[in-house]
């Protein structure tokens, strides 16, 4: 089944083919999980959400309309699940015990040494972008999605994606400059 297209696999999944579902999962689980981890910033939560995503793929395979690639469709489901989890998290009040458990984010000597690593500095700069900007950067650069595909995943106009990319790049350049890194560092 490794040569079969995602669209055909999804058609088979819609008819209850568990082998097709396993193949689809094997192809896309890592990408979906990495996307979710970058969105929710919690690996355990991302794994739970990924299970929900693939459960929805199993249940909703027959609803796939083919207006985008299967991977784009699955990433849009993942994004919806992540955003829904944020809403649920915001609905619950922060308990005093939890507030005390929140770590002090002041730099320690160890963190200062880690910041010397350019890759670490880049990750830190990316983390400081707004969620909307991180999302667009993640989809375009890490998942290699086109502006149109990102627009479908985020359910926004393509012009909005372009605008977010413009401001995300600009902010990232500022953050990299603050971190003492040049744009073209190796």
C-alpha atoms as a PDB file:
ATOM      1  CA  UNK A   1       0.000   0.000   0.000  1.00  0.00           C
ATOM      2  CA  UNK A   2       3.015   2.282   0.106  1.00  0.00           C
ATOM      3  CA  UNK A   3       2.553   3.271  -3.555  1.00  0.00           C
ATOM      4  CA  UNK A   4      -1.125   4.133  -3.139  1.00  0.00           C
ATOM      5  CA  UNK A   5      -2.021   7.841  -3.088  1.00  0.00           C
ATOM      6  CA  UNK A   6      -3.385   9.485   0.031  1.00  0.00           C
ATOM      7  CA  UNK A   7      -6.672  10.163  -1.727  1.00  0.00           C
ATOM      8  CA  UNK A   8      -7.174   6.482  -2.547  1.00  0.00           C
ATOM      9  CA  UNK A   9      -6.192   5.509   0.994  1.00  0.00           C
ATOM     10  CA  UNK A  10      -8.751   7.954   2.368  1.00  0.00           C
ATOM     11  CA  UNK A  11     -11.435   6.466   0.116  1.00  0.00           C
ATOM     12  CA  UNK A  12     -10.540   3.043   1.487  1.00  0.00           C
ATOM     13  CA  UNK A  13     -10.594   4.381   5.046  1.00  0.00           C
ATOM     14  CA  UNK A  14     -14.103   5.719   4.393  1.00  0.00           C
ATOM     15  CA  UNK A  15     -15.183   2.192   3.568  1.00  0.00           C
ATOM     16  CA  UNK A  16     -13.708   0.845   6.815  1.00  0.00           C
ATOM     17  CA  UNK A  17     -10.317  -0.403   5.580  1.00  0.00           C
ATOM     18  CA  UNK A  18      -8.113  -0.522   8.708  1.00  0.00           C
ATOM     19  CA  UNK A  19      -4.964  -1.366   6.710  1.00  0.00           C
ATOM     20  CA  UNK A  20      -5.442   1.835   4.694  1.00  0.00           C
ATOM     21  CA  UNK A  21      -5.828   3.759   7.949  1.00  0.00           C
ATOM     22  CA  UNK A  22      -2.597   2.271   9.302  1.00  0.00           C
ATOM     23  CA  UNK A  23      -0.781   3.292   6.128  1.00  0.00           C
ATOM     24  CA  UNK A  24      -2.197   6.823   6.247  1.00  0.00           C
ATOM     25  CA  UNK A  25      -1.221   7.078   9.913  1.00  0.00           C
ATOM     26  CA  UNK A  26       2.313   5.855   9.207  1.00  0.00           C
ATOM     27  CA  UNK A  27       2.734   8.463   6.461  1.00  0.00           C
ATOM     28  CA  UNK A  28       1.435  11.455   8.372  1.00  0.00           C
ATOM     29  CA  UNK A  29       1.666  10.861  12.134  1.00  0.00           C
ATOM     30  CA  UNK A  30       5.108  12.421  12.557  1.00  0.00           C
ATOM     31  CA  UNK A  31       4.212  15.541  10.572  1.00  0.00           C
ATOM     32  CA  UNK A  32       0.919  16.008  12.424  1.00  0.00           C
ATOM     33  CA  UNK A  33       2.569  15.454  15.802  1.00  0.00           C
ATOM     34  CA  UNK A  34       5.365  17.950  15.108  1.00  0.00           C
ATOM     35  CA  UNK A  35       2.804  20.512  13.953  1.00  0.00           C
ATOM     36  CA  UNK A  36       0.763  20.014  17.115  1.00  0.00           C
ATOM     37  CA  UNK A  37       3.814  20.196  19.377  1.00  0.00           C
ATOM     38  CA  UNK A  38       4.771  23.523  17.844  1.00  0.00           C
ATOM     39  CA  UNK A  39       1.231  24.791  18.315  1.00  0.00           C
ATOM     40  CA  UNK A  40       0.467  23.652  21.854  1.00  0.00           C
ATOM     41  CA  UNK A  41       4.058  23.497  23.175  1.00  0.00           C
ATOM     42  CA  UNK A  42       3.329  20.395  25.211  1.00  0.00           C
ATOM     43  CA  UNK A  43       4.323  16.996  23.854  1.00  0.00           C
ATOM     44  CA  UNK A  44       1.852  14.997  25.963  1.00  0.00           C
ATOM     45  CA  UNK A  45      -1.025  17.254  25.012  1.00  0.00           C
ATOM     46  CA  UNK A  46       0.057  17.115  21.371  1.00  0.00           C
ATOM     47  CA  UNK A  47       0.043  13.298  21.458  1.00  0.00           C
ATOM     48  CA  UNK A  48      -3.481  13.306  22.885  1.00  0.00           C
ATOM     49  CA  UNK A  49      -4.618  15.737  20.208  1.00  0.00           C
ATOM     50  CA  UNK A  50      -2.964  13.641  17.497  1.00  0.00           C
ATOM     51  CA  UNK A  51      -5.046  10.653  18.591  1.00  0.00           C
ATOM     52  CA  UNK A  52      -8.139  12.823  18.281  1.00  0.00           C
ATOM     53  CA  UNK A  53      -7.047  13.990  14.820  1.00  0.00           C
ATOM     54  CA  UNK A  54      -6.644  10.473  13.472  1.00  0.00           C
ATOM     55  CA  UNK A  55      -9.880   9.373  15.115  1.00  0.00           C
ATOM     56  CA  UNK A  56     -11.613  12.204  13.229  1.00  0.00           C
ATOM     57  CA  UNK A  57      -9.849  11.173  10.013  1.00  0.00           C
ATOM     58  CA  UNK A  58     -11.240   7.667  10.520  1.00  0.00           C
ATOM     59  CA  UNK A  59     -14.767   8.942  11.226  1.00  0.00           C
ATOM     60  CA  UNK A  60     -14.837  11.733   8.632  1.00  0.00           C
ATOM     61  CA  UNK A  61     -12.944  10.174   5.733  1.00  0.00           C
ATOM     62  CA  UNK A  62     -16.116  10.040   3.660  1.00  0.00           C
ATOM     63  CA  UNK A  63     -16.527  13.816   4.085  1.00  0.00           C
ATOM     64  CA  UNK A  64     -13.201  14.644   2.427  1.00  0.00           C
ATOM     65  CA  UNK A  65     -14.085  16.708  -0.636  1.00  0.00           C
ATOM     66  CA  UNK A  66     -10.692  16.815  -2.339  1.00  0.00           C
ATOM     67  CA  UNK A  67     -10.459  20.621  -2.349  1.00  0.00           C
ATOM     68  CA  UNK A  68      -6.979  20.293  -0.840  1.00  0.00           C
ATOM     69  CA  UNK A  69      -4.404  17.581  -0.340  1.00  0.00           C
ATOM     70  CA  UNK A  70      -5.074  14.977   2.329  1.00  0.00           C
ATOM     71  CA  UNK A  71      -2.147  16.273   4.398  1.00  0.00           C
ATOM     72  CA  UNK A  72      -3.556  19.811   4.268  1.00  0.00           C
ATOM     73  CA  UNK A  73      -6.950  18.499   5.360  1.00  0.00           C
ATOM     74  CA  UNK A  74      -5.394  16.588   8.265  1.00  0.00           C
ATOM     75  CA  UNK A  75      -3.339  19.615   9.372  1.00  0.00           C
ATOM     76  CA  UNK A  76      -6.491  21.737   9.361  1.00  0.00           C
ATOM     77  CA  UNK A  77      -8.172  19.156  11.613  1.00  0.00           C
ATOM     78  CA  UNK A  78      -5.091  19.247  13.856  1.00  0.00           C
ATOM     79  CA  UNK A  79      -5.190  23.037  14.028  1.00  0.00           C
ATOM     80  CA  UNK A  80      -8.873  23.003  14.944  1.00  0.00           C
ATOM     81  CA  UNK A  81      -8.199  20.460  17.702  1.00  0.00           C
ATOM     82  CA  UNK A  82      -5.313  22.577  19.051  1.00  0.00           C
ATOM     83  CA  UNK A  83      -7.362  25.778  19.044  1.00  0.00           C
ATOM     84  CA  UNK A  84     -10.238  23.986  20.750  1.00  0.00           C
ATOM     85  CA  UNK A  85      -7.863  22.745  23.430  1.00  0.00           C
ATOM     86  CA  UNK A  86      -6.710  26.338  24.040  1.00  0.00           C
ATOM     87  CA  UNK A  87     -10.296  27.430  24.525  1.00  0.00           C
ATOM     88  CA  UNK A  88     -10.898  24.621  27.015  1.00  0.00           C
ATOM     89  CA  UNK A  89      -7.679  25.473  28.873  1.00  0.00           C
ATOM     90  CA  UNK A  90      -8.645  29.148  29.060  1.00  0.00           C
ATOM     91  CA  UNK A  91     -12.035  28.227  30.488  1.00  0.00           C
ATOM     92  CA  UNK A  92     -10.512  26.634  33.572  1.00  0.00           C
ATOM     93  CA  UNK A  93      -9.233  28.980  36.264  1.00  0.00           C
ATOM     94  CA  UNK A  94      -5.591  28.925  37.300  1.00  0.00           C
ATOM     95  CA  UNK A  95      -5.408  27.364  40.747  1.00  0.00           C
ATOM     96  CA  UNK A  96      -3.079  29.042  43.269  1.00  0.00           C
ATOM     97  CA  UNK A  97      -1.019  25.839  43.551  1.00  0.00           C
ATOM     98  CA  UNK A  98      -0.560  25.807  39.791  1.00  0.00           C
ATOM     99  CA  UNK A  99       0.406  29.481  39.776  1.00  0.00           C
ATOM    100  CA  UNK A 100       3.139  28.768  42.320  1.00  0.00           C
ATOM    101  CA  UNK A 101       4.399  25.875  40.200  1.00  0.00           C
ATOM    102  CA  UNK A 102       4.962  28.094  37.154  1.00  0.00           C
ATOM    103  CA  UNK A 103       8.684  28.307  36.625  1.00  0.00           C
ATOM    104  CA  UNK A 104      10.587  31.571  36.826  1.00  0.00           C
ATOM    105  CA  UNK A 105      11.682  32.248  33.264  1.00  0.00           C
ATOM    106  CA  UNK A 106      14.660  34.391  34.230  1.00  0.00           C
ATOM    107  CA  UNK A 107      17.868  33.261  32.572  1.00  0.00           C
ATOM    108  CA  UNK A 108      20.078  30.958  34.585  1.00  0.00           C
ATOM    109  CA  UNK A 109      23.765  30.446  33.805  1.00  0.00           C
ATOM    110  CA  UNK A 110      22.821  27.238  31.990  1.00  0.00           C
ATOM    111  CA  UNK A 111      20.313  29.061  29.826  1.00  0.00           C
ATOM    112  CA  UNK A 112      22.894  31.716  29.013  1.00  0.00           C
ATOM    113  CA  UNK A 113      25.245  29.001  27.781  1.00  0.00           C
ATOM    114  CA  UNK A 114      22.434  27.428  25.722  1.00  0.00           C
ATOM    115  CA  UNK A 115      21.726  30.775  24.108  1.00  0.00           C
ATOM    116  CA  UNK A 116      25.200  30.660  22.635  1.00  0.00           C
ATOM    117  CA  UNK A 117      23.926  27.967  20.321  1.00  0.00           C
ATOM    118  CA  UNK A 118      22.600  29.582  17.165  1.00  0.00           C
ATOM    119  CA  UNK A 119      19.987  26.907  16.619  1.00  0.00           C
ATOM    120  CA  UNK A 120      18.723  27.365  20.156  1.00  0.00           C
ATOM    121  CA  UNK A 121      18.619  31.125  19.661  1.00  0.00           C
ATOM    122  CA  UNK A 122      16.580  30.672  16.493  1.00  0.00           C
ATOM    123  CA  UNK A 123      14.094  28.433  18.282  1.00  0.00           C
ATOM    124  CA  UNK A 124      13.762  30.972  21.047  1.00  0.00           C
ATOM    125  CA  UNK A 125      13.115  33.718  18.531  1.00  0.00           C
ATOM    126  CA  UNK A 126      10.479  31.609  16.791  1.00  0.00           C
ATOM    127  CA  UNK A 127       8.831  30.903  20.138  1.00  0.00           C
ATOM    128  CA  UNK A 128       8.523  34.633  20.774  1.00  0.00           C
ATOM    129  CA  UNK A 129       6.419  35.141  17.649  1.00  0.00           C
ATOM    130  CA  UNK A 130       2.672  35.367  18.119  1.00  0.00           C
ATOM    131  CA  UNK A 131       0.720  32.134  17.690  1.00  0.00           C
ATOM    132  CA  UNK A 132      -0.645  33.326  14.318  1.00  0.00           C
ATOM    133  CA  UNK A 133       2.839  34.129  13.056  1.00  0.00           C
ATOM    134  CA  UNK A 134       4.379  30.891  14.380  1.00  0.00           C
ATOM    135  CA  UNK A 135       1.580  28.929  12.734  1.00  0.00           C
ATOM    136  CA  UNK A 136       2.197  30.473   9.322  1.00  0.00           C
ATOM    137  CA  UNK A 137       5.981  30.121   9.573  1.00  0.00           C
ATOM    138  CA  UNK A 138       5.589  26.508  10.674  1.00  0.00           C
ATOM    139  CA  UNK A 139       3.250  25.585   7.821  1.00  0.00           C
ATOM    140  CA  UNK A 140       5.233  27.398   5.120  1.00  0.00           C
ATOM    141  CA  UNK A 141       8.794  26.553   6.147  1.00  0.00           C
ATOM    142  CA  UNK A 142       8.556  23.310   8.098  1.00  0.00           C
ATOM    143  CA  UNK A 143       5.614  21.698   6.293  1.00  0.00           C
ATOM    144  CA  UNK A 144       6.357  23.315   2.918  1.00  0.00           C
ATOM    145  CA  UNK A 145       2.745  24.315   2.337  1.00  0.00           C
ATOM    146  CA  UNK A 146       1.853  26.891  -0.294  1.00  0.00           C
ATOM    147  CA  UNK A 147       0.101  30.135   0.603  1.00  0.00           C
ATOM    148  CA  UNK A 148      -3.149  28.690  -0.736  1.00  0.00           C
ATOM    149  CA  UNK A 149      -2.814  25.508   1.318  1.00  0.00           C
ATOM    150  CA  UNK A 150      -2.018  27.502   4.456  1.00  0.00           C
ATOM    151  CA  UNK A 151      -5.058  29.680   3.787  1.00  0.00           C
ATOM    152  CA  UNK A 152      -7.231  26.540   3.614  1.00  0.00           C
ATOM    153  CA  UNK A 153      -5.735  25.090   6.804  1.00  0.00           C
ATOM    154  CA  UNK A 154      -6.167  28.334   8.740  1.00  0.00           C
ATOM    155  CA  UNK A 155      -9.483  29.155   7.089  1.00  0.00           C
ATOM    156  CA  UNK A 156      -8.338  32.686   6.195  1.00  0.00           C
ATOM    157  CA  UNK A 157      -7.833  34.487   2.865  1.00  0.00           C
ATOM    158  CA  UNK A 158      -4.517  33.988   1.072  1.00  0.00           C
ATOM    159  CA  UNK A 159      -3.841  37.727   1.474  1.00  0.00           C
ATOM    160  CA  UNK A 160      -4.016  37.265   5.254  1.00  0.00           C
ATOM    161  CA  UNK A 161      -1.451  34.477   5.045  1.00  0.00           C
ATOM    162  CA  UNK A 162       0.863  36.728   3.012  1.00  0.00           C
ATOM    163  CA  UNK A 163       0.426  39.576   5.480  1.00  0.00           C
ATOM    164  CA  UNK A 164       1.130  37.311   8.445  1.00  0.00           C
ATOM    165  CA  UNK A 165       4.247  35.976   6.703  1.00  0.00           C
ATOM    166  CA  UNK A 166       5.460  39.531   6.036  1.00  0.00           C
ATOM    167  CA  UNK A 167       5.053  40.580   9.674  1.00  0.00           C
ATOM    168  CA  UNK A 168       6.386  37.267  10.989  1.00  0.00           C
ATOM    169  CA  UNK A 169       9.576  37.633   8.920  1.00  0.00           C
ATOM    170  CA  UNK A 170       9.969  41.240  10.001  1.00  0.00           C
ATOM    171  CA  UNK A 171       9.495  40.395  13.687  1.00  0.00           C
ATOM    172  CA  UNK A 172      11.808  37.400  13.403  1.00  0.00           C
ATOM    173  CA  UNK A 173      14.505  39.615  11.867  1.00  0.00           C
ATOM    174  CA  UNK A 174      14.139  42.037  14.806  1.00  0.00           C
ATOM    175  CA  UNK A 175      14.319  39.198  17.336  1.00  0.00           C
ATOM    176  CA  UNK A 176      17.383  37.702  15.648  1.00  0.00           C
ATOM    177  CA  UNK A 177      19.085  41.106  15.646  1.00  0.00           C
ATOM    178  CA  UNK A 178      18.298  41.492  19.367  1.00  0.00           C
ATOM    179  CA  UNK A 179      19.843  38.065  19.925  1.00  0.00           C
ATOM    180  CA  UNK A 180      22.968  39.238  18.093  1.00  0.00           C
ATOM    181  CA  UNK A 181      22.449  37.038  15.067  1.00  0.00           C
ATOM    182  CA  UNK A 182      22.736  38.190  11.495  1.00  0.00           C
ATOM    183  CA  UNK A 183      20.100  37.212   8.929  1.00  0.00           C
ATOM    184  CA  UNK A 184      22.360  34.973   6.873  1.00  0.00           C
ATOM    185  CA  UNK A 185      24.108  33.099   9.653  1.00  0.00           C
ATOM    186  CA  UNK A 186      25.180  29.558   8.744  1.00  0.00           C
END
